[in-house]
Amino acid sequence: MCIFCDIANKQAPASIVYEDDLSLVFKNIRPSAPIHLLIIPKKHIDSIDHIDDKDEALVGHLLCVAQKVAKQEKLSGYKLVVNVGRDGGQEIFHLHIHLLSGWNNAKDRDIIHN
């Protein structure tokens, strides 16, 4: 089982900021921005390359969750990033969306780190 599955199943600790039946949002333990949250489906999917037609609603739901959490956290702007595959910078092979925010200037905002 992967670490994100463990977090989703409450078998590993995480600082959870949002949860519903399909998804979980928690703080990244290695943040690349002042605010760095991870949005995951509770269902294990390795990456965007592993979704199929039956996952369409779930993936759309994750984007709606991003919007909901941004409003909950009162973010005036944010960036969503999905790394796909090892060559795309993916380190944990469980689909996740990075929600990044909180920069003080555009220069910092335009730099993406994993």
N, C-alpha and C. Protein backbone atom coordinates (compact mmCIF):
# COMPACT_ATOMS: atom_id res chain seq x y z
N MET A 1 0.84 -1.19 0.00
CA MET A 1 0.00 0.00 0.00
C MET A 1 0.89 1.25 0.00
N CYS A 2 0.42 2.31 -0.63
CA CYS A 2 1.22 3.53 -0.70
C CYS A 2 0.94 4.45 0.49
N ILE A 3 1.82 5.40 0.72
CA ILE A 3 1.68 6.31 1.86
C ILE A 3 0.40 7.12 1.77
N PHE A 4 -0.01 7.53 0.56
CA PHE A 4 -1.25 8.31 0.45
C PHE A 4 -2.47 7.44 0.73
N CYS A 5 -2.43 6.16 0.38
CA CYS A 5 -3.50 5.24 0.76
C CYS A 5 -3.54 5.11 2.28
N ASP A 6 -2.36 5.02 2.90
CA ASP A 6 -2.30 4.94 4.37
C ASP A 6 -2.92 6.19 5.00
N ILE A 7 -2.61 7.35 4.45
CA ILE A 7 -3.18 8.60 4.96
C ILE A 7 -4.70 8.60 4.77
N ALA A 8 -5.15 8.20 3.58
CA ALA A 8 -6.59 8.17 3.30
C ALA A 8 -7.33 7.21 4.23
N ASN A 9 -6.66 6.13 4.62
CA ASN A 9 -7.26 5.13 5.51
C ASN A 9 -6.97 5.40 6.99
N LYS A 10 -6.38 6.56 7.27
CA LYS A 10 -6.07 6.98 8.65
C LYS A 10 -5.09 6.03 9.33
N GLN A 11 -4.20 5.44 8.53
CA GLN A 11 -3.17 4.56 9.08
C GLN A 11 -1.81 5.25 9.13
N ALA A 12 -1.77 6.50 8.65
CA ALA A 12 -0.57 7.34 8.72
C ALA A 12 -1.03 8.75 9.05
N PRO A 13 -0.23 9.50 9.80
CA PRO A 13 -0.64 10.84 10.19
C PRO A 13 -0.56 11.84 9.05
N ALA A 14 -1.43 12.84 9.11
CA ALA A 14 -1.40 13.94 8.16
C ALA A 14 -2.18 15.10 8.76
N SER A 15 -1.81 16.30 8.36
CA SER A 15 -2.53 17.49 8.79
C SER A 15 -3.64 17.75 7.77
N ILE A 16 -4.80 17.18 8.03
CA ILE A 16 -5.92 17.20 7.08
C ILE A 16 -6.67 18.53 7.19
N VAL A 17 -6.92 19.14 6.02
CA VAL A 17 -7.67 20.40 5.99
C VAL A 17 -9.06 20.23 5.38
N TYR A 18 -9.29 19.11 4.70
CA TYR A 18 -10.60 18.86 4.10
C TYR A 18 -10.73 17.36 3.82
N GLU A 19 -11.95 16.85 3.98
CA GLU A 19 -12.21 15.46 3.65
C GLU A 19 -13.67 15.31 3.26
N ASP A 20 -13.92 14.47 2.26
CA ASP A 20 -15.27 14.06 1.92
C ASP A 20 -15.22 12.57 1.56
N ASP A 21 -16.29 12.04 1.04
CA ASP A 21 -16.34 10.60 0.75
C ASP A 21 -15.34 10.15 -0.30
N LEU A 22 -14.95 11.06 -1.21
CA LEU A 22 -14.11 10.69 -2.35
C LEU A 22 -12.67 11.18 -2.26
N SER A 23 -12.43 12.20 -1.43
CA SER A 23 -11.12 12.85 -1.48
C SER A 23 -10.66 13.30 -0.10
N LEU A 24 -9.39 13.68 -0.07
CA LEU A 24 -8.75 14.15 1.15
C LEU A 24 -7.76 15.24 0.75
N VAL A 25 -7.65 16.28 1.57
CA VAL A 25 -6.69 17.35 1.34
C VAL A 25 -5.88 17.51 2.62
N PHE A 26 -4.56 17.53 2.45
CA PHE A 26 -3.69 17.67 3.61
C PHE A 26 -2.47 18.49 3.26
N LYS A 27 -1.79 18.99 4.30
CA LYS A 27 -0.60 19.82 4.11
C LYS A 27 0.58 18.95 3.68
N ASN A 28 1.34 19.46 2.71
CA ASN A 28 2.54 18.77 2.26
C ASN A 28 3.62 18.90 3.33
N ILE A 29 4.26 17.79 3.67
CA ILE A 29 5.30 17.85 4.71
C ILE A 29 6.61 18.43 4.17
N ARG A 30 6.72 18.56 2.84
CA ARG A 30 7.88 19.20 2.21
C ARG A 30 7.38 20.30 1.29
N PRO A 31 6.88 21.41 1.85
CA PRO A 31 6.24 22.43 1.03
C PRO A 31 7.20 23.14 0.08
N SER A 32 6.66 23.45 -1.11
CA SER A 32 7.39 24.22 -2.12
C SER A 32 6.85 25.64 -2.22
N ALA A 33 5.91 25.97 -1.37
CA ALA A 33 5.30 27.30 -1.35
C ALA A 33 4.84 27.57 0.08
N PRO A 34 4.58 28.83 0.41
CA PRO A 34 4.10 29.12 1.76
C PRO A 34 2.84 28.32 2.14
N ILE A 35 1.96 28.10 1.17
CA ILE A 35 0.81 27.21 1.35
C ILE A 35 0.95 26.12 0.30
N HIS A 36 1.05 24.88 0.74
CA HIS A 36 1.23 23.76 -0.18
C HIS A 36 0.39 22.59 0.33
N LEU A 37 -0.74 22.39 -0.33
CA LEU A 37 -1.66 21.33 0.03
C LEU A 37 -1.66 20.25 -1.05
N LEU A 38 -1.98 19.03 -0.66
CA LEU A 38 -2.10 17.92 -1.60
C LEU A 38 -3.54 17.44 -1.60
N ILE A 39 -4.11 17.32 -2.78
CA ILE A 39 -5.48 16.86 -2.97
C ILE A 39 -5.40 15.47 -3.57
N ILE A 40 -5.95 14.49 -2.87
CA ILE A 40 -5.87 13.11 -3.36
C ILE A 40 -7.26 12.47 -3.43
N PRO A 41 -7.44 11.55 -4.38
CA PRO A 41 -8.63 10.72 -4.31
C PRO A 41 -8.39 9.63 -3.27
N LYS A 42 -9.43 9.20 -2.59
CA LYS A 42 -9.27 8.09 -1.65
C LYS A 42 -9.03 6.78 -2.41
N LYS A 43 -9.55 6.72 -3.61
CA LYS A 43 -9.32 5.56 -4.47
C LYS A 43 -7.88 5.63 -4.99
N HIS A 44 -7.16 4.54 -4.94
CA HIS A 44 -5.79 4.54 -5.46
C HIS A 44 -5.80 4.53 -6.99
N ILE A 45 -5.17 5.55 -7.55
CA ILE A 45 -4.90 5.64 -8.99
C ILE A 45 -3.45 6.09 -9.06
N ASP A 46 -2.61 5.38 -9.80
CA ASP A 46 -1.18 5.70 -9.83
C ASP A 46 -0.90 7.13 -10.30
N SER A 47 -1.53 7.55 -11.40
CA SER A 47 -1.27 8.88 -11.96
C SER A 47 -2.34 9.21 -12.98
N ILE A 48 -2.26 10.39 -13.55
CA ILE A 48 -3.18 10.78 -14.63
C ILE A 48 -3.11 9.76 -15.77
N ASP A 49 -1.95 9.19 -16.01
CA ASP A 49 -1.80 8.18 -17.07
C ASP A 49 -2.59 6.91 -16.78
N HIS A 50 -3.09 6.75 -15.58
CA HIS A 50 -3.80 5.53 -15.20
C HIS A 50 -5.30 5.73 -14.99
N ILE A 51 -5.81 6.92 -15.31
CA ILE A 51 -7.25 7.12 -15.20
C ILE A 51 -7.93 6.56 -16.44
N ASP A 52 -9.20 6.20 -16.29
CA ASP A 52 -9.98 5.78 -17.46
C ASP A 52 -11.35 6.44 -17.38
N ASP A 53 -12.22 6.10 -18.31
CA ASP A 53 -13.51 6.78 -18.41
C ASP A 53 -14.30 6.76 -17.10
N LYS A 54 -14.22 5.68 -16.34
CA LYS A 54 -14.99 5.61 -15.10
C LYS A 54 -14.45 6.54 -14.01
N ASP A 55 -13.26 7.10 -14.21
CA ASP A 55 -12.66 8.03 -13.24
C ASP A 55 -12.95 9.49 -13.58
N GLU A 56 -13.65 9.73 -14.68
CA GLU A 56 -13.87 11.11 -15.14
C GLU A 56 -14.54 11.97 -14.06
N ALA A 57 -15.59 11.48 -13.45
CA ALA A 57 -16.29 12.26 -12.41
C ALA A 57 -15.39 12.49 -11.20
N LEU A 58 -14.60 11.50 -10.83
CA LEU A 58 -13.71 11.63 -9.68
C LEU A 58 -12.65 12.70 -9.93
N VAL A 59 -12.06 12.69 -11.10
CA VAL A 59 -11.03 13.68 -11.42
C VAL A 59 -11.64 15.09 -11.44
N GLY A 60 -12.84 15.22 -12.00
CA GLY A 60 -13.54 16.50 -11.96
C GLY A 60 -13.83 16.93 -10.53
N HIS A 61 -14.19 15.97 -9.70
CA HIS A 61 -14.46 16.24 -8.30
C HIS A 61 -13.22 16.82 -7.60
N LEU A 62 -12.05 16.29 -7.92
CA LEU A 62 -10.81 16.79 -7.30
C LEU A 62 -10.59 18.26 -7.62
N LEU A 63 -10.93 18.68 -8.84
CA LEU A 63 -10.80 20.10 -9.20
C LEU A 63 -11.81 20.95 -8.43
N CYS A 64 -13.01 20.44 -8.26
CA CYS A 64 -14.02 21.15 -7.46
C CYS A 64 -13.57 21.26 -6.00
N VAL A 65 -12.93 20.22 -5.49
CA VAL A 65 -12.40 20.24 -4.13
C VAL A 65 -11.31 21.31 -4.02
N ALA A 66 -10.47 21.43 -5.03
CA ALA A 66 -9.43 22.47 -5.03
C ALA A 66 -10.07 23.85 -4.86
N GLN A 67 -11.11 24.11 -5.62
CA GLN A 67 -11.81 25.39 -5.53
C GLN A 67 -12.41 25.58 -4.14
N LYS A 68 -13.05 24.55 -3.61
CA LYS A 68 -13.69 24.62 -2.30
C LYS A 68 -12.66 24.90 -1.20
N VAL A 69 -11.53 24.21 -1.26
CA VAL A 69 -10.49 24.39 -0.25
C VAL A 69 -9.86 25.78 -0.37
N ALA A 70 -9.65 26.26 -1.59
CA ALA A 70 -9.10 27.60 -1.78
C ALA A 70 -10.02 28.65 -1.14
N LYS A 71 -11.32 28.48 -1.31
CA LYS A 71 -12.28 29.40 -0.67
C LYS A 71 -12.24 29.24 0.85
N GLN A 72 -12.21 28.00 1.31
CA GLN A 72 -12.15 27.72 2.76
C GLN A 72 -10.93 28.37 3.39
N GLU A 73 -9.80 28.32 2.69
CA GLU A 73 -8.55 28.87 3.20
C GLU A 73 -8.38 30.36 2.87
N LYS A 74 -9.39 30.93 2.20
CA LYS A 74 -9.41 32.36 1.83
C LYS A 74 -8.21 32.75 0.96
N LEU A 75 -7.91 31.91 -0.03
CA LEU A 75 -6.80 32.18 -0.94
C LEU A 75 -7.28 33.09 -2.05
N SER A 76 -6.54 34.16 -2.31
CA SER A 76 -6.93 35.09 -3.38
C SER A 76 -6.46 34.59 -4.74
N GLY A 77 -5.52 33.68 -4.75
CA GLY A 77 -5.01 33.08 -5.98
C GLY A 77 -4.22 31.84 -5.62
N TYR A 78 -4.12 30.95 -6.56
CA TYR A 78 -3.41 29.71 -6.30
C TYR A 78 -3.04 29.04 -7.61
N LYS A 79 -2.17 28.07 -7.51
CA LYS A 79 -1.71 27.30 -8.66
C LYS A 79 -1.97 25.83 -8.38
N LEU A 80 -2.45 25.12 -9.41
CA LEU A 80 -2.64 23.67 -9.31
C LEU A 80 -1.62 23.00 -10.20
N VAL A 81 -0.94 21.98 -9.68
CA VAL A 81 0.10 21.27 -10.43
C VAL A 81 -0.12 19.77 -10.26
N VAL A 82 -0.02 19.05 -11.39
CA VAL A 82 -0.06 17.59 -11.36
C VAL A 82 1.19 17.09 -12.07
N ASN A 83 2.03 16.39 -11.33
CA ASN A 83 3.21 15.76 -11.92
C ASN A 83 2.82 14.35 -12.35
N VAL A 84 3.24 13.96 -13.55
CA VAL A 84 2.85 12.65 -14.09
C VAL A 84 4.09 11.85 -14.46
N GLY A 85 4.28 10.73 -13.78
CA GLY A 85 5.41 9.85 -14.07
C GLY A 85 6.71 10.36 -13.48
N ARG A 86 7.64 9.45 -13.35
CA ARG A 86 8.94 9.78 -12.78
C ARG A 86 9.62 10.92 -13.56
N ASP A 87 9.56 10.87 -14.89
CA ASP A 87 10.18 11.92 -15.70
C ASP A 87 9.44 13.25 -15.60
N GLY A 88 8.20 13.22 -15.15
CA GLY A 88 7.42 14.44 -14.94
C GLY A 88 7.52 14.97 -13.52
N GLY A 89 8.36 14.34 -12.70
CA GLY A 89 8.58 14.81 -11.34
C GLY A 89 7.71 14.16 -10.29
N GLN A 90 6.93 13.16 -10.67
CA GLN A 90 6.08 12.48 -9.69
C GLN A 90 6.94 11.61 -8.77
N GLU A 91 6.76 11.78 -7.47
CA GLU A 91 7.53 11.01 -6.49
C GLU A 91 6.67 9.97 -5.77
N ILE A 92 5.42 10.29 -5.55
CA ILE A 92 4.48 9.35 -4.91
C ILE A 92 3.50 8.91 -5.98
N PHE A 93 3.42 7.61 -6.21
CA PHE A 93 2.59 7.11 -7.30
C PHE A 93 1.17 6.80 -6.83
N HIS A 94 0.52 7.89 -6.45
CA HIS A 94 -0.90 7.95 -6.13
C HIS A 94 -1.31 9.33 -6.65
N LEU A 95 -2.24 9.38 -7.57
CA LEU A 95 -2.67 10.64 -8.16
C LEU A 95 -2.84 11.71 -7.09
N HIS A 96 -2.27 12.87 -7.31
CA HIS A 96 -2.45 13.99 -6.39
C HIS A 96 -2.25 15.31 -7.13
N ILE A 97 -2.96 16.29 -6.64
CA ILE A 97 -2.87 17.65 -7.18
C ILE A 97 -2.23 18.52 -6.10
N HIS A 98 -1.19 19.25 -6.49
CA HIS A 98 -0.56 20.22 -5.59
C HIS A 98 -1.35 21.51 -5.69
N LEU A 99 -1.80 22.04 -4.56
CA LEU A 99 -2.40 23.37 -4.51
C LEU A 99 -1.39 24.27 -3.82
N LEU A 100 -0.89 25.24 -4.57
CA LEU A 100 0.19 26.10 -4.10
C LEU A 100 -0.28 27.55 -4.05
N SER A 101 0.11 28.26 -2.98
CA SER A 101 -0.29 29.66 -2.84
C SER A 101 0.56 30.33 -1.78
N GLY A 102 0.27 31.62 -1.56
CA GLY A 102 0.89 32.36 -0.47
C GLY A 102 2.17 33.10 -0.78
N TRP A 103 2.50 33.25 -2.06
CA TRP A 103 3.73 33.95 -2.41
C TRP A 103 3.57 35.45 -2.24
N ASN A 104 4.70 36.11 -1.99
CA ASN A 104 4.70 37.56 -1.85
C ASN A 104 5.00 38.27 -3.16
N ASN A 105 5.55 37.56 -4.14
CA ASN A 105 5.86 38.22 -5.40
C ASN A 105 5.78 37.23 -6.56
N ALA A 106 5.65 37.76 -7.77
CA ALA A 106 5.47 36.93 -8.96
C ALA A 106 6.69 36.08 -9.25
N LYS A 107 7.88 36.57 -8.95
CA LYS A 107 9.09 35.80 -9.23
C LYS A 107 9.06 34.46 -8.49
N ASP A 108 8.70 34.47 -7.22
CA ASP A 108 8.63 33.23 -6.45
C ASP A 108 7.50 32.32 -6.97
N ARG A 109 6.40 32.92 -7.36
CA ARG A 109 5.23 32.17 -7.81
C ARG A 109 5.53 31.39 -9.09
N ASP A 110 6.38 31.91 -9.93
CA ASP A 110 6.64 31.28 -11.23
C ASP A 110 7.64 30.15 -11.15
N ILE A 111 8.20 29.90 -10.00
CA ILE A 111 9.14 28.79 -9.84
C ILE A 111 8.38 27.61 -9.23
N ILE A 112 8.42 26.49 -9.91
CA ILE A 112 7.74 25.30 -9.40
C ILE A 112 8.80 24.29 -8.97
N HIS A 113 8.68 23.85 -7.73
CA HIS A 113 9.55 22.80 -7.20
C HIS A 113 8.68 21.64 -6.79
N ASN A 114 9.23 20.44 -6.82
CA ASN A 114 8.47 19.26 -6.36
C ASN A 114 8.71 19.03 -4.90
